[in-house]
Structure formats: structure tokens, C-alpha cells
Amino acid sequence: MKFCINTKTCEVHRYYCEHIKNSDVIELGDYPSSYQAIESAKKLGYQKAKGCSRCCPQVTLKSS
């Protein structure tokens, strides 16, 4: 699955999520799970990265 991150809110979204605000978004790449995409975003410097509550809700609960 493709994931991206909103660089202002640090929310990680699945690429198809309708709640992505197109400005300030960069693609993270393909990952087998939301958890791995968030961990990758953190390694890229987005320490406050969290999952979108709509497309990655289970991850949001784990990473809070």
C-alpha cells in the first residue's frame, strides 16, 4: 500500500484517503502496514508522526 504524510500535521495517510490535504503532503512509499509507514516517517524526522484517525485508526491508538 502507498502512504503519504502531511508535513504540517504529521498525519500518515493511505494514499487513497479522502482526508489528505494536498498541500504539504509528501509520499512515503509502499509499506505492508500503516505501522511500518509511521515508523519510516519517524526515521525521516517526523517524530510526531501518527496515523490518520480515518484510514489508520488502529495505529493512532498504539502510537498515542
C-alpha atoms as a PDB file:
ATOM      1  CA  MET A   1       0.000   0.000   0.000  1.00  0.00           C
ATOM      2  CA  LYS A   2       1.157   3.533  -0.720  1.00  0.00           C
ATOM      3  CA  PHE A   3       1.349   6.019   2.134  1.00  0.00           C
ATOM      4  CA  CYS A   4       1.984   9.732   2.457  1.00  0.00           C
ATOM      5  CA  ILE A   5       2.437  12.218   5.274  1.00  0.00           C
ATOM      6  CA  ASN A   6       1.095  15.713   5.807  1.00  0.00           C
ATOM      7  CA  THR A   7       4.255  17.548   6.831  1.00  0.00           C
ATOM      8  CA  LYS A   8       2.367  20.128   8.916  1.00  0.00           C
ATOM      9  CA  THR A   9       0.087  17.813  10.910  1.00  0.00           C
ATOM     10  CA  CYS A  10       2.421  14.769  10.822  1.00  0.00           C
ATOM     11  CA  GLU A  11      -0.556  12.563   9.959  1.00  0.00           C
ATOM     12  CA  VAL A  12       0.239   9.497   7.894  1.00  0.00           C
ATOM     13  CA  HIS A  13      -2.457   8.557   5.373  1.00  0.00           C
ATOM     14  CA  ARG A  14      -3.071   5.746   2.975  1.00  0.00           C
ATOM     15  CA  TYR A  15      -2.656   7.208  -0.486  1.00  0.00           C
ATOM     16  CA  TYR A  16      -6.380   6.959  -1.281  1.00  0.00           C
ATOM     17  CA  CYS A  17      -7.605   8.649   1.944  1.00  0.00           C
ATOM     18  CA  GLU A  18     -10.102  11.397   1.196  1.00  0.00           C
ATOM     19  CA  HIS A  19      -8.932  13.408   4.226  1.00  0.00           C
ATOM     20  CA  ILE A  20      -5.500  14.232   2.825  1.00  0.00           C
ATOM     21  CA  LYS A  21      -4.968  17.936   2.369  1.00  0.00           C
ATOM     22  CA  ASN A  22      -2.970  18.041  -0.857  1.00  0.00           C
ATOM     23  CA  SER A  23      -0.696  20.894   0.115  1.00  0.00           C
ATOM     24  CA  ASP A  24       2.146  19.976   2.462  1.00  0.00           C
ATOM     25  CA  VAL A  25       1.949  16.257   1.594  1.00  0.00           C
ATOM     26  CA  ILE A  26       4.871  14.068   0.587  1.00  0.00           C
ATOM     27  CA  GLU A  27       4.774  10.448  -0.461  1.00  0.00           C
ATOM     28  CA  LEU A  28       6.415   7.967   1.921  1.00  0.00           C
ATOM     29  CA  GLY A  29       6.276   4.975  -0.415  1.00  0.00           C
ATOM     30  CA  ASP A  30       4.916   1.444  -0.313  1.00  0.00           C
ATOM     31  CA  TYR A  31       4.645  -0.391   3.010  1.00  0.00           C
ATOM     32  CA  PRO A  32       2.839  -3.569   4.055  1.00  0.00           C
ATOM     33  CA  SER A  33       1.188  -1.808   7.015  1.00  0.00           C
ATOM     34  CA  SER A  34       0.361   1.603   8.460  1.00  0.00           C
ATOM     35  CA  TYR A  35       2.628   0.890  11.415  1.00  0.00           C
ATOM     36  CA  GLN A  36       5.660   0.472   9.151  1.00  0.00           C
ATOM     37  CA  ALA A  37       4.824   3.667   7.249  1.00  0.00           C
ATOM     38  CA  ILE A  38       4.654   5.617  10.513  1.00  0.00           C
ATOM     39  CA  GLU A  39       7.949   4.159  11.717  1.00  0.00           C
ATOM     40  CA  SER A  40       9.528   5.181   8.413  1.00  0.00           C
ATOM     41  CA  ALA A  41       8.168   8.727   8.764  1.00  0.00           C
ATOM     42  CA  LYS A  42       9.718   8.939  12.237  1.00  0.00           C
ATOM     43  CA  LYS A  43      13.083   7.863  10.818  1.00  0.00           C
ATOM     44  CA  LEU A  44      12.753  10.658   8.244  1.00  0.00           C
ATOM     45  CA  GLY A  45      12.486  13.200  11.071  1.00  0.00           C
ATOM     46  CA  TYR A  46       8.740  13.377  11.665  1.00  0.00           C
ATOM     47  CA  GLN A  47       8.940  12.290  15.305  1.00  0.00           C
ATOM     48  CA  LYS A  48       5.304  13.187  15.966  1.00  0.00           C
ATOM     49  CA  ALA A  49       4.050  11.045  13.068  1.00  0.00           C
ATOM     50  CA  LYS A  50       0.711   9.401  13.778  1.00  0.00           C
ATOM     51  CA  GLY A  51      -1.898   7.540  11.779  1.00  0.00           C
ATOM     52  CA  CYS A  52      -4.930   9.258  10.307  1.00  0.00           C
ATOM     53  CA  SER A  53      -7.931   8.529  12.522  1.00  0.00           C
ATOM     54  CA  ARG A  54      -9.943   7.534   9.442  1.00  0.00           C
ATOM     55  CA  CYS A  55      -7.593   5.387   7.344  1.00  0.00           C
ATOM     56  CA  CYS A  56      -5.104   4.217  10.010  1.00  0.00           C
ATOM     57  CA  PRO A  57      -7.120   4.309  13.278  1.00  0.00           C
ATOM     58  CA  GLN A  58      -5.586   1.239  14.909  1.00  0.00           C
ATOM     59  CA  VAL A  59      -2.145   2.808  14.615  1.00  0.00           C
ATOM     60  CA  THR A  60      -3.315   6.096  16.126  1.00  0.00           C
ATOM     61  CA  LEU A  61      -4.341   4.253  19.275  1.00  0.00           C
ATOM     62  CA  LYS A  62      -0.990   2.449  19.527  1.00  0.00           C
ATOM     63  CA  SER A  63       1.198   5.481  18.931  1.00  0.00           C
ATOM     64  CA  SER A  64      -0.563   7.957  21.243  1.00  0.00           C
END
